[in-house]
Protein backbone atom coordinates (compact mmCIF):
# COMPACT_ATOMS: atom_id res chain seq x y z
CA MET A 1 -7.80 -46.46 51.89
CA ARG A 2 -9.52 -49.53 53.34
CA THR A 3 -9.58 -49.61 57.16
CA ARG A 4 -11.04 -53.12 57.72
CA CYS A 5 -10.35 -56.54 56.28
CA ILE A 6 -12.81 -57.26 53.50
CA TYR A 7 -13.23 -60.82 54.77
CA CYS A 8 -13.03 -60.98 58.55
CA ASP A 9 -13.79 -57.25 59.17
CA LYS A 10 -10.84 -56.87 61.48
CA ARG A 11 -9.59 -53.30 61.68
CA PHE A 12 -6.16 -52.81 60.09
CA ASP A 13 -3.44 -51.70 62.53
CA TYR A 14 -1.15 -49.17 60.87
CA ARG A 15 0.30 -47.71 64.04
CA ASN A 16 3.72 -49.23 63.50
CA ASP A 17 3.94 -49.01 59.72
CA LEU A 18 3.19 -45.72 58.04
CA ILE A 19 4.33 -47.13 54.68
CA ASP A 20 1.58 -49.74 54.75
CA MET A 21 -0.89 -47.07 55.83
CA TYR A 22 -0.29 -44.96 52.71
CA PHE A 23 0.74 -47.47 50.09
CA SER A 24 -0.73 -50.89 50.83
CA ASP A 25 -3.93 -51.62 48.86
CA ASP A 26 -4.37 -55.25 50.06
CA ASP A 27 -8.06 -55.87 50.98
CA LEU A 28 -7.09 -58.64 53.45
CA CYS A 29 -5.60 -58.18 56.87
CA THR A 30 -2.26 -59.75 57.66
CA GLY A 31 -3.88 -62.64 59.49
CA CYS A 32 -6.11 -63.62 56.57
CA ARG A 33 -3.34 -63.05 54.03
CA ASN A 34 -1.03 -65.40 55.93
CA GLU A 35 -3.71 -68.12 55.86
CA LEU A 36 -3.41 -68.23 52.04
CA VAL A 37 -0.54 -70.73 51.70
CA ILE A 38 1.56 -70.16 48.57
CA GLU A 39 2.36 -73.57 47.03
CA ARG A 40 3.60 -73.21 43.45
CA ASP A 41 3.19 -76.18 41.13
CA LYS A 42 3.77 -76.76 37.45
CA ARG A 43 2.17 -79.52 35.38
CA CYS A 44 1.68 -80.41 31.75
CA LEU A 45 -1.78 -80.99 30.31
CA GLY A 46 -1.82 -82.28 26.72
CA GLY A 47 1.39 -80.42 25.91
CA MET A 48 0.26 -77.21 27.68
CA GLU A 49 2.15 -75.84 30.65
CA VAL A 50 -0.18 -75.20 33.60
CA ARG A 51 0.95 -73.38 36.74
CA SER A 52 -0.85 -73.12 40.06
CA PHE A 53 0.02 -70.92 43.06
CA TYR A 54 -1.94 -71.83 46.20
CA ARG A 55 -2.68 -74.89 48.33
CA TYR A 56 -6.34 -75.72 47.97
CA ASP A 57 -7.52 -75.71 51.56
CA GLY A 58 -8.77 -73.49 54.36
CA LEU A 59 -9.31 -69.87 53.57
CA ILE A 60 -8.74 -70.05 49.79
CA LYS A 61 -11.70 -72.46 49.54
CA ASP A 62 -13.86 -70.24 51.77
CA LEU A 63 -12.99 -67.11 49.78
CA LEU A 64 -13.82 -68.79 46.44
CA LEU A 65 -17.11 -70.06 47.86
CA GLN A 66 -17.99 -66.60 49.15
CA TYR A 67 -16.94 -64.99 45.86
CA LYS A 68 -18.51 -67.45 43.36
CA GLU A 69 -21.50 -68.89 45.16
CA CYS A 70 -22.51 -65.97 47.42
CA PHE A 71 -21.79 -63.43 44.64
CA ASP A 72 -19.41 -61.34 46.77
CA GLU A 73 -17.91 -59.34 43.93
CA ALA A 74 -15.95 -57.17 46.33
CA LEU A 75 -13.49 -60.11 46.86
CA LYS A 76 -12.31 -60.02 43.22
CA ASP A 77 -8.84 -58.59 43.91
CA VAL A 78 -7.77 -60.77 46.84
CA PHE A 79 -6.90 -63.88 44.83
CA PHE A 80 -4.06 -62.68 42.61
CA TYR A 81 -2.95 -59.78 44.81
CA ALA A 82 0.06 -61.43 46.43
CA ILE A 83 1.41 -62.92 43.21
CA LYS A 84 0.41 -60.21 40.70
CA ASP A 85 4.03 -58.94 40.15
CA GLU A 86 5.24 -62.50 39.67
CA ILE A 87 2.54 -63.12 37.06
CA ARG A 88 3.24 -59.88 35.20
CA ILE A 89 6.91 -60.66 34.92
CA ARG A 90 6.55 -64.33 34.08
CA TYR A 91 3.89 -63.75 31.45
CA HIS A 92 5.01 -60.41 30.03
CA GLY A 93 3.52 -59.98 26.58
CA TYR A 94 0.77 -62.55 27.09
CA THR A 95 -2.95 -61.92 26.70
CA LEU A 96 -5.20 -63.44 29.36
CA ILE A 97 -8.10 -65.55 28.11
CA PRO A 98 -10.49 -66.58 30.88
CA CYS A 99 -12.04 -70.05 30.70
CA PRO A 100 -15.79 -69.76 30.07
CA SER A 101 -18.42 -70.06 32.78
CA SER A 102 -21.94 -71.38 32.49
CA ALA A 103 -24.10 -68.60 31.11
CA ARG A 104 -26.69 -69.42 33.74
CA LYS A 105 -24.14 -68.99 36.54
CA ARG A 106 -22.78 -65.78 35.06
CA GLU A 107 -26.30 -64.30 34.77
CA LYS A 108 -27.09 -65.35 38.36
CA ARG A 109 -23.90 -63.79 39.71
CA GLY A 110 -24.24 -60.65 37.67
CA PHE A 111 -20.55 -60.65 36.79
CA ASP A 112 -17.91 -62.89 35.21
CA HIS A 113 -15.80 -64.02 38.15
CA LEU A 114 -12.62 -64.76 36.23
CA ILE A 115 -12.61 -61.48 34.27
CA LYS A 116 -13.11 -59.59 37.53
CA MET A 117 -10.29 -61.57 39.18
CA CYS A 118 -7.92 -60.65 36.30
CA GLU A 119 -8.51 -56.88 36.61
CA CYS A 120 -5.90 -56.44 39.34
CA LEU A 121 -3.20 -57.91 37.12
CA LYS A 122 -3.42 -54.92 34.70
CA MET A 123 -2.80 -57.21 31.72
CA PRO A 124 -4.72 -57.41 28.44
CA VAL A 125 -7.80 -59.68 28.72
CA LEU A 126 -9.65 -61.18 25.77
CA ASP A 127 -13.08 -62.64 26.54
CA CYS A 128 -13.50 -64.91 23.50
CA LEU A 129 -14.49 -68.32 24.75
CA TYR A 130 -18.04 -69.62 25.35
CA MET A 131 -19.88 -72.87 25.98
CA GLU A 132 -21.84 -74.16 23.05
CA LYS A 133 -24.18 -75.92 25.52
CA ASP A 134 -24.77 -74.30 28.94
CA MET A 135 -23.06 -76.83 31.18
CA SER A 136 -22.16 -76.45 34.81
CA GLN A 137 -19.58 -78.78 36.40
CA VAL A 138 -20.95 -78.49 39.90
CA ASN A 139 -21.83 -81.92 41.41
CA LYS A 140 -20.82 -83.69 38.20
CA ASP A 141 -18.65 -86.79 38.21
CA SER A 142 -15.40 -87.03 36.15
CA VAL A 143 -17.20 -88.60 33.18
CA GLU A 144 -19.74 -85.77 32.99
CA ARG A 145 -17.02 -83.15 33.47
CA ARG A 146 -15.01 -84.48 30.51
CA LYS A 147 -17.93 -83.70 28.27
CA MET A 148 -16.76 -80.05 28.62
CA ILE A 149 -13.77 -80.78 26.34
CA GLY A 150 -15.86 -80.70 23.20
CA ASN A 151 -18.24 -77.95 24.40
CA ILE A 152 -16.03 -74.87 24.28
CA ARG A 153 -15.89 -72.59 21.24
CA VAL A 154 -14.11 -69.42 20.13
CA ARG A 155 -16.40 -66.50 19.29
CA GLU A 156 -16.66 -65.91 15.55
CA GLY A 157 -14.53 -63.09 14.25
CA THR A 158 -12.03 -63.29 17.15
CA ILE A 159 -8.42 -62.41 16.27
CA LEU A 160 -6.26 -64.42 18.61
CA PRO A 161 -3.00 -62.93 19.93
CA LEU A 162 0.27 -64.74 19.47
CA LYS A 163 0.91 -65.42 23.20
CA ILE A 164 -2.04 -66.70 25.15
CA LEU A 165 -2.42 -67.41 28.86
CA LEU A 166 -5.56 -69.32 29.76
CA VAL A 167 -6.90 -68.49 33.23
CA ASP A 168 -9.05 -70.59 35.53
CA ASP A 169 -9.66 -70.53 39.30
CA VAL A 170 -9.26 -74.18 40.24
CA ILE A 171 -8.60 -77.33 38.29
CA THR A 172 -10.54 -80.48 39.19
CA THR A 173 -10.29 -82.81 36.19
CA GLY A 174 -8.67 -80.40 33.74
CA SER A 175 -11.59 -80.73 31.27
CA THR A 176 -12.32 -77.02 31.00
CA LEU A 177 -8.72 -76.16 30.28
CA SER A 178 -8.43 -79.06 27.83
CA GLY A 179 -11.57 -77.86 26.06
CA ALA A 180 -10.32 -74.26 25.87
CA TYR A 181 -6.93 -75.42 24.59
CA LYS A 182 -8.52 -77.59 21.95
CA ALA A 183 -10.82 -74.70 20.85
CA LEU A 184 -8.01 -72.20 20.45
CA LYS A 185 -6.07 -74.50 18.10
CA ARG A 186 -2.80 -72.78 18.98
CA LYS A 187 0.50 -74.19 20.11
CA GLN A 188 1.81 -71.19 21.99
CA VAL A 189 -0.68 -71.37 24.85
CA LYS A 190 0.09 -71.61 28.60
CA ALA A 191 -2.34 -71.71 31.51
CA MET A 192 -2.48 -70.65 35.14
CA THR A 193 -4.88 -71.41 37.92
CA LEU A 194 -5.08 -70.51 41.58
CA CYS A 195 -4.82 -74.16 42.65
CA PHE A 196 -5.20 -77.80 41.75
CA VAL A 197 -7.91 -79.77 43.53
CA ASN A 198 -6.94 -83.27 44.74
CA LYS A 199 -3.56 -83.02 43.04
CA ASP A 200 -2.74 -86.72 43.61
CA ASP A 201 -5.72 -87.64 41.42
CA HIS A 202 -4.14 -85.91 38.42
CA LYS A 203 -1.19 -88.17 38.00
CA GLY A 204 -2.66 -89.97 35.00
CA ARG A 205 -3.61 -86.73 33.23
CA PHE A 206 -1.08 -84.17 34.35
CA LYS A 207 2.64 -84.79 33.96
CA LEU A 208 5.15 -83.28 36.36
């Protein structure tokens, strides 16, 4: 049982709630958890349904930065924790396929951040996508990012499940998801992400 918040290090106060003391497995304190604003959204990208769950600001940005760029693997369960039951019910029978990361980034982190994030969902995960060329989207403009669409491949010999849920952390231009969708060559594919970035900029590419 964790006694301190994994992010702010505040000690948990269980004095008034014995149920939480014995059954809660949230790594964040109530204060930090409440800063993560649930803001559900559904869009369409090239015929694929894409759902997001959080507003991209404040603590969610800080947590992702700490997790991905500071290699804080211990944060892996905090992102889907509050919505894991909703995801399991909505996507019952689906197999999660994480969008691929740059091999260079993955090697530097020492772990695949999306696969680790998915562990708390207790759903089947298939790691079958990779980048043909090792491309990172960091500090790239929209033109450079869209080169990702033709850069994603399915590993040879992969047997794809019938119901596929693509998973990403944030969507900026949608290029990674578009590339993954194109590589899978399947119609029954849905996608989820923690949040959209600059949602107003997606009106030309994502349909409500």
